[in-house]
Amino acid sequence: RGAGLNGAGAALMGDAASVFTNPTSLAFAPHLALEAGFFAGPFESYQTTGALTFRLGQFSVGGGIKYFDFGSEPEVVPDPATGGVTGTATGATVDAREFLGGGA
């Protein structure tokens, strides 16, 4: 839901993924909430999200994980023949990925 609202997840109340944006709203979560999402961005980047919230007596417990993949680009190093003004492709690629986990 947060991705569908263009990142306005802080306004959502009782949503399982609010463990990332507004953990205090977990107090309004139902007895069990599960959320999974996939967002494909520009330049072959994407984000995958999973979150779970449940009630334990008068307490709400939530946790989630996000995986970001920002794609890959060809590796370019400075060309010493030009004093580093231009670059030379090495044939390798540079990848950018990260995980995010949270709990409340």
Protein backbone atom coordinates (compact mmCIF):
# COMPACT_ATOMS: atom_id res chain seq x y z
CA ARG A 1 0.00 0.00 0.00
CA GLY A 2 2.83 2.42 0.81
CA ALA A 3 4.35 2.07 -2.67
CA GLY A 4 0.90 2.58 -4.20
CA LEU A 5 0.59 5.81 -2.25
CA ASN A 6 3.91 7.01 -3.65
CA GLY A 7 5.79 6.30 -0.43
CA ALA A 8 3.24 7.89 1.92
CA GLY A 9 3.29 4.84 4.22
CA ALA A 10 3.54 6.93 7.40
CA ALA A 11 -0.14 7.84 7.02
CA LEU A 12 -1.32 4.20 7.02
CA MET A 13 -2.76 2.91 10.29
CA GLY A 14 -2.67 -0.77 11.23
CA ASP A 15 -0.72 -1.84 8.19
CA ALA A 16 1.85 -4.64 8.63
CA ALA A 17 4.51 -2.75 6.68
CA SER A 18 4.18 0.26 8.98
CA VAL A 19 6.95 -1.40 10.99
CA PHE A 20 9.24 0.48 8.56
CA THR A 21 7.46 3.86 8.39
CA ASN A 22 5.32 4.36 11.51
CA PRO A 23 5.77 1.62 14.16
CA THR A 24 3.35 3.31 16.58
CA SER A 25 0.45 2.56 14.23
CA LEU A 26 0.95 -1.17 14.92
CA ALA A 27 -1.28 -0.60 17.95
CA PHE A 28 -4.19 -0.42 15.48
CA ALA A 29 -3.23 -3.60 13.62
CA PRO A 30 -5.67 -6.52 13.54
CA HIS A 31 -4.85 -9.78 15.36
CA LEU A 32 -2.80 -10.97 12.39
CA ALA A 33 -1.59 -9.00 9.37
CA LEU A 34 0.72 -10.17 6.61
CA GLU A 35 1.96 -8.05 3.76
CA ALA A 36 4.19 -8.70 0.76
CA GLY A 37 5.08 -6.34 -2.02
CA PHE A 38 7.16 -5.93 -5.15
CA PHE A 39 8.03 -2.64 -6.79
CA ALA A 40 9.88 -2.43 -10.10
CA GLY A 41 11.68 0.86 -10.54
CA PRO A 42 13.61 2.51 -13.36
CA PHE A 43 16.85 1.12 -14.81
CA GLU A 44 16.14 -2.51 -13.82
CA SER A 45 15.98 -1.71 -10.10
CA TYR A 46 13.43 -3.29 -7.77
CA GLN A 47 12.34 -3.58 -4.16
CA THR A 48 10.76 -6.58 -2.42
CA THR A 49 9.05 -6.23 0.96
CA GLY A 50 7.59 -8.68 3.47
CA ALA A 51 6.10 -7.84 6.88
CA LEU A 52 4.14 -9.65 9.61
CA THR A 53 2.25 -8.19 12.57
CA PHE A 54 0.35 -10.05 15.29
CA ARG A 55 -1.18 -9.38 18.70
CA LEU A 56 0.22 -10.86 21.90
CA GLY A 57 -2.33 -9.99 24.56
CA GLN A 58 -2.36 -6.22 24.76
CA PHE A 59 0.85 -5.85 22.73
CA SER A 60 1.38 -5.72 18.98
CA VAL A 61 4.53 -7.32 17.59
CA GLY A 62 5.76 -6.67 14.08
CA GLY A 63 8.73 -7.44 11.91
CA GLY A 64 9.71 -7.14 8.31
CA ILE A 65 12.44 -7.32 5.74
CA LYS A 66 13.13 -5.35 2.57
CA TYR A 67 15.48 -6.22 -0.27
CA PHE A 68 16.68 -3.54 -2.66
CA ASP A 69 18.40 -4.27 -5.96
CA PHE A 70 19.59 -1.14 -7.72
CA GLY A 71 20.75 -2.96 -10.84
CA SER A 72 24.22 -3.14 -12.32
CA GLU A 73 26.43 -0.93 -14.45
CA PRO A 74 29.63 -1.59 -16.39
CA GLU A 75 32.79 -0.83 -14.43
CA VAL A 76 34.80 2.07 -15.84
CA VAL A 77 38.25 3.05 -14.52
CA PRO A 78 40.23 6.23 -15.29
CA ASP A 79 42.42 5.93 -18.37
CA PRO A 80 46.00 6.90 -17.42
CA ALA A 81 46.80 7.74 -21.05
CA THR A 82 44.43 10.72 -20.87
CA GLY A 83 45.31 11.72 -17.32
CA GLY A 84 42.04 10.27 -16.02
CA VAL A 85 39.87 12.57 -18.17
CA THR A 86 38.23 9.62 -19.93
CA GLY A 87 37.56 6.11 -18.73
CA THR A 88 38.15 2.58 -19.94
CA ALA A 89 35.63 -0.22 -19.50
CA THR A 90 37.08 -3.24 -17.68
CA GLY A 91 34.42 -5.71 -18.81
CA ALA A 92 33.27 -6.23 -15.20
CA THR A 93 30.04 -4.95 -13.69
CA VAL A 94 29.30 -3.09 -10.47
CA ASP A 95 26.19 -4.22 -8.52
CA ALA A 96 24.36 -2.46 -5.70
CA ARG A 97 22.12 -4.45 -3.34
CA GLU A 98 21.06 -4.14 0.28
CA PHE A 99 18.82 -5.73 2.91
CA LEU A 100 16.85 -3.92 5.57
CA GLY A 101 15.24 -5.61 8.55
CA GLY A 102 13.10 -4.04 11.23
CA GLY A 103 11.04 -4.94 14.22
CA ALA A 104 8.75 -3.22 16.69
